[in-house]
Amino acid sequence: MPDKKAYVEEMARILAPGGQMVIACWCQREAGVNGAPPLSKHEQAELQFLYEEWAHPYFISIQEFCRLMESTGKLEAVGAEDWTPQTIDSWRHSNLVGVLDPWFVVFKWNPKLWYKVTREIVTLERMHQAFAKGLMQYGLMRATKAVAAGSSSSSSAQQSQTAAANV
């Protein structure tokens, strides 16, 4: 999702009143706003490596996702958590699976495949290190779409939206 603002706005637009929005996403640390230090040249180079290796659009912070959600004017109870501690071990595990069980590569015996797997191992390790250093975070952002004034409940709003969609 290269345009994070458009993504959040579209999700908020199509979400039923009372519906829950949850975004789980790789995020970079907050940088250059609200007193957070800007990214160093080294951190910028680390992020650039990850963008290029995985053809990724830019990352934003967990806090920026929350600001985007709040700016829609349609979402309330916006909140977020950094789930890095719960997910960081999976990066190392992904590397170990490929190293300890390389048979899918061995039996293919394809030099291009070996090269791709080796690059992937390096990239996964650098991503793990970015998480471990605090440059990257695994963000879990959530919000609820506001129910329009005059609606009796979110379930009746959702039922009327469903009914209208089936007409």
Protein backbone atom coordinates (compact mmCIF):
# COMPACT_ATOMS: atom_id res chain seq x y z
CA MET A 1 0.00 0.00 0.00
CA PRO A 2 2.08 2.89 -1.22
CA ASP A 3 -0.51 5.55 -0.28
CA LYS A 4 -1.21 4.85 3.38
CA LYS A 5 -3.58 7.83 3.74
CA ALA A 6 -5.74 6.71 0.79
CA TYR A 7 -5.72 3.15 2.13
CA VAL A 8 -6.96 4.17 5.60
CA GLU A 9 -9.56 6.56 4.14
CA GLU A 10 -10.96 3.87 1.83
CA MET A 11 -11.07 1.31 4.63
CA ALA A 12 -12.96 3.82 6.80
CA ARG A 13 -15.32 4.68 3.94
CA ILE A 14 -16.43 1.11 3.25
CA LEU A 15 -16.49 -0.07 6.87
CA ALA A 16 -20.02 -0.49 8.26
CA PRO A 17 -21.02 1.84 11.10
CA GLY A 18 -19.95 0.21 14.34
CA GLY A 19 -17.52 -2.01 12.43
CA GLN A 20 -14.01 -2.69 13.63
CA MET A 21 -10.91 -1.79 11.61
CA VAL A 22 -7.69 -3.62 12.46
CA ILE A 23 -4.42 -3.07 10.64
CA ALA A 24 -1.38 -5.24 11.37
CA CYS A 25 1.64 -3.87 9.60
CA TRP A 26 5.39 -3.46 9.64
CA CYS A 27 6.11 0.05 10.84
CA GLN A 28 9.20 2.15 11.35
CA ARG A 29 9.82 3.95 14.60
CA GLU A 30 8.35 7.42 15.04
CA ALA A 31 10.82 9.90 13.54
CA GLY A 32 11.05 13.66 13.49
CA VAL A 33 7.66 14.44 15.07
CA ASN A 34 6.42 14.88 18.64
CA GLY A 35 9.98 15.08 19.97
CA ALA A 36 11.15 11.82 18.38
CA PRO A 37 14.62 12.10 16.85
CA PRO A 38 14.83 11.98 13.06
CA LEU A 39 16.16 8.87 11.35
CA SER A 40 19.96 8.74 11.21
CA LYS A 41 21.73 8.22 7.87
CA HIS A 42 22.42 4.63 8.94
CA GLU A 43 18.73 4.02 9.76
CA GLN A 44 17.70 5.53 6.43
CA ALA A 45 20.13 3.20 4.65
CA GLU A 46 18.74 0.18 6.56
CA LEU A 47 15.19 1.07 5.56
CA GLN A 48 16.24 1.66 1.95
CA PHE A 49 17.81 -1.81 1.85
CA LEU A 50 14.53 -3.37 3.04
CA TYR A 51 12.46 -1.32 0.56
CA GLU A 52 14.63 -2.42 -2.34
CA GLU A 53 15.02 -6.08 -1.38
CA TRP A 54 11.30 -6.63 -0.90
CA ALA A 55 9.98 -4.01 -3.35
CA HIS A 56 8.25 -2.33 -0.43
CA PRO A 57 6.62 1.06 -0.35
CA TYR A 58 7.80 3.23 2.52
CA PHE A 59 6.98 2.35 6.13
CA ILE A 60 5.27 4.74 8.54
CA SER A 61 5.13 4.70 12.31
CA ILE A 62 2.42 3.18 14.46
CA GLN A 63 1.62 6.70 15.65
CA GLU A 64 1.28 7.95 12.07
CA PHE A 65 -1.21 5.16 11.30
CA CYS A 66 -3.23 6.33 14.32
CA ARG A 67 -3.08 9.95 13.13
CA LEU A 68 -4.30 8.85 9.69
CA MET A 69 -7.16 6.88 11.27
CA GLU A 70 -8.17 9.85 13.44
CA SER A 71 -7.96 12.26 10.50
CA THR A 72 -10.72 10.43 8.60
CA GLY A 73 -13.29 11.90 10.98
CA LYS A 74 -15.15 8.58 10.72
CA LEU A 75 -13.29 6.46 13.26
CA GLU A 76 -13.32 6.54 17.03
CA ALA A 77 -11.63 4.60 19.82
CA VAL A 78 -8.40 4.62 17.80
CA GLY A 79 -5.66 2.67 19.52
CA ALA A 80 -2.50 0.78 18.80
CA GLU A 81 0.06 -1.57 20.24
CA ASP A 82 3.59 -2.51 19.35
CA TRP A 83 3.54 -6.29 18.90
CA THR A 84 7.25 -6.56 18.20
CA PRO A 85 7.94 -8.56 21.39
CA GLN A 86 5.26 -11.10 20.41
CA THR A 87 6.49 -11.46 16.81
CA ILE A 88 10.26 -10.91 16.76
CA ASP A 89 11.12 -14.58 17.29
CA SER A 90 9.32 -15.46 14.05
CA TRP A 91 12.01 -13.62 12.04
CA ARG A 92 14.78 -15.80 13.41
CA HIS A 93 12.55 -18.88 13.04
CA SER A 94 11.96 -18.06 9.34
CA ASN A 95 15.71 -18.05 8.79
CA LEU A 96 16.24 -21.29 10.65
CA VAL A 97 13.53 -23.10 8.71
CA GLY A 98 15.30 -22.29 5.44
CA VAL A 99 18.76 -23.16 6.75
CA LEU A 100 17.82 -26.32 8.65
CA ASP A 101 15.42 -27.69 6.05
CA PRO A 102 16.81 -26.63 2.66
CA TRP A 103 15.59 -29.68 0.76
CA PHE A 104 13.18 -27.78 -1.44
CA VAL A 105 16.20 -25.86 -2.77
CA VAL A 106 18.58 -28.85 -2.87
CA PHE A 107 16.23 -30.95 -4.98
CA LYS A 108 15.59 -28.13 -7.43
CA TRP A 109 19.35 -27.68 -7.97
CA ASN A 110 18.83 -24.31 -9.53
CA PRO A 111 21.59 -21.69 -9.06
CA LYS A 112 19.08 -18.83 -9.40
CA LEU A 113 16.97 -20.35 -6.64
CA TRP A 114 20.02 -20.76 -4.39
CA TYR A 115 20.87 -17.10 -4.94
CA LYS A 116 17.32 -15.97 -4.14
CA VAL A 117 17.19 -18.08 -0.97
CA THR A 118 20.56 -16.73 0.19
CA ARG A 119 19.43 -13.14 -0.39
CA GLU A 120 16.19 -13.83 1.45
CA ILE A 121 18.08 -15.19 4.47
CA VAL A 122 20.22 -12.05 4.59
CA THR A 123 17.18 -9.80 4.24
CA LEU A 124 15.22 -11.64 6.93
CA GLU A 125 18.19 -11.32 9.28
CA ARG A 126 18.51 -7.59 8.58
CA MET A 127 14.78 -7.17 9.19
CA HIS A 128 15.16 -9.06 12.47
CA GLN A 129 18.02 -6.75 13.47
CA ALA A 130 15.94 -3.67 12.57
CA PHE A 131 13.19 -4.94 14.89
CA ALA A 132 15.69 -5.80 17.65
CA LYS A 133 17.24 -2.29 17.45
CA GLY A 134 13.85 -0.54 17.57
CA LEU A 135 14.05 0.83 14.02
CA MET A 136 11.14 -1.39 12.99
CA GLN A 137 8.01 -2.28 14.94
CA TYR A 138 5.13 -4.63 14.25
CA GLY A 139 2.12 -2.40 14.72
CA LEU A 140 -1.41 -3.44 15.51
CA MET A 141 -3.74 -0.47 14.98
CA ARG A 142 -7.48 -0.56 15.57
CA ALA A 143 -10.54 1.68 15.53
CA THR A 144 -14.32 1.55 15.39
CA LYS A 145 -16.37 3.32 12.77
CA ALA A 146 -18.68 5.83 14.39
CA VAL A 147 -22.40 5.10 14.31
CA ALA A 148 -24.36 7.97 12.78
CA ALA A 149 -26.47 10.03 15.15
CA GLY A 150 -30.02 8.72 15.31
CA SER A 151 -29.01 5.09 14.73
CA SER A 152 -30.39 2.81 17.43
CA SER A 153 -27.42 0.43 17.40
CA SER A 154 -24.47 -0.63 15.36
CA SER A 155 -26.09 -3.99 14.56
CA SER A 156 -29.20 -2.33 13.10
CA ALA A 157 -26.96 -0.01 11.09
CA GLN A 158 -25.04 -3.00 9.78
CA GLN A 159 -28.29 -4.84 8.97
CA SER A 160 -29.64 -1.87 7.01
CA GLN A 161 -26.38 -1.55 5.10
CA THR A 162 -26.49 -5.26 4.29
CA ALA A 163 -30.11 -4.99 3.23
CA ALA A 164 -29.34 -2.01 1.00
CA ALA A 165 -26.46 -3.90 -0.59
CA ASN A 166 -28.78 -6.83 -1.42
CA VAL A 167 -31.40 -4.69 -3.18
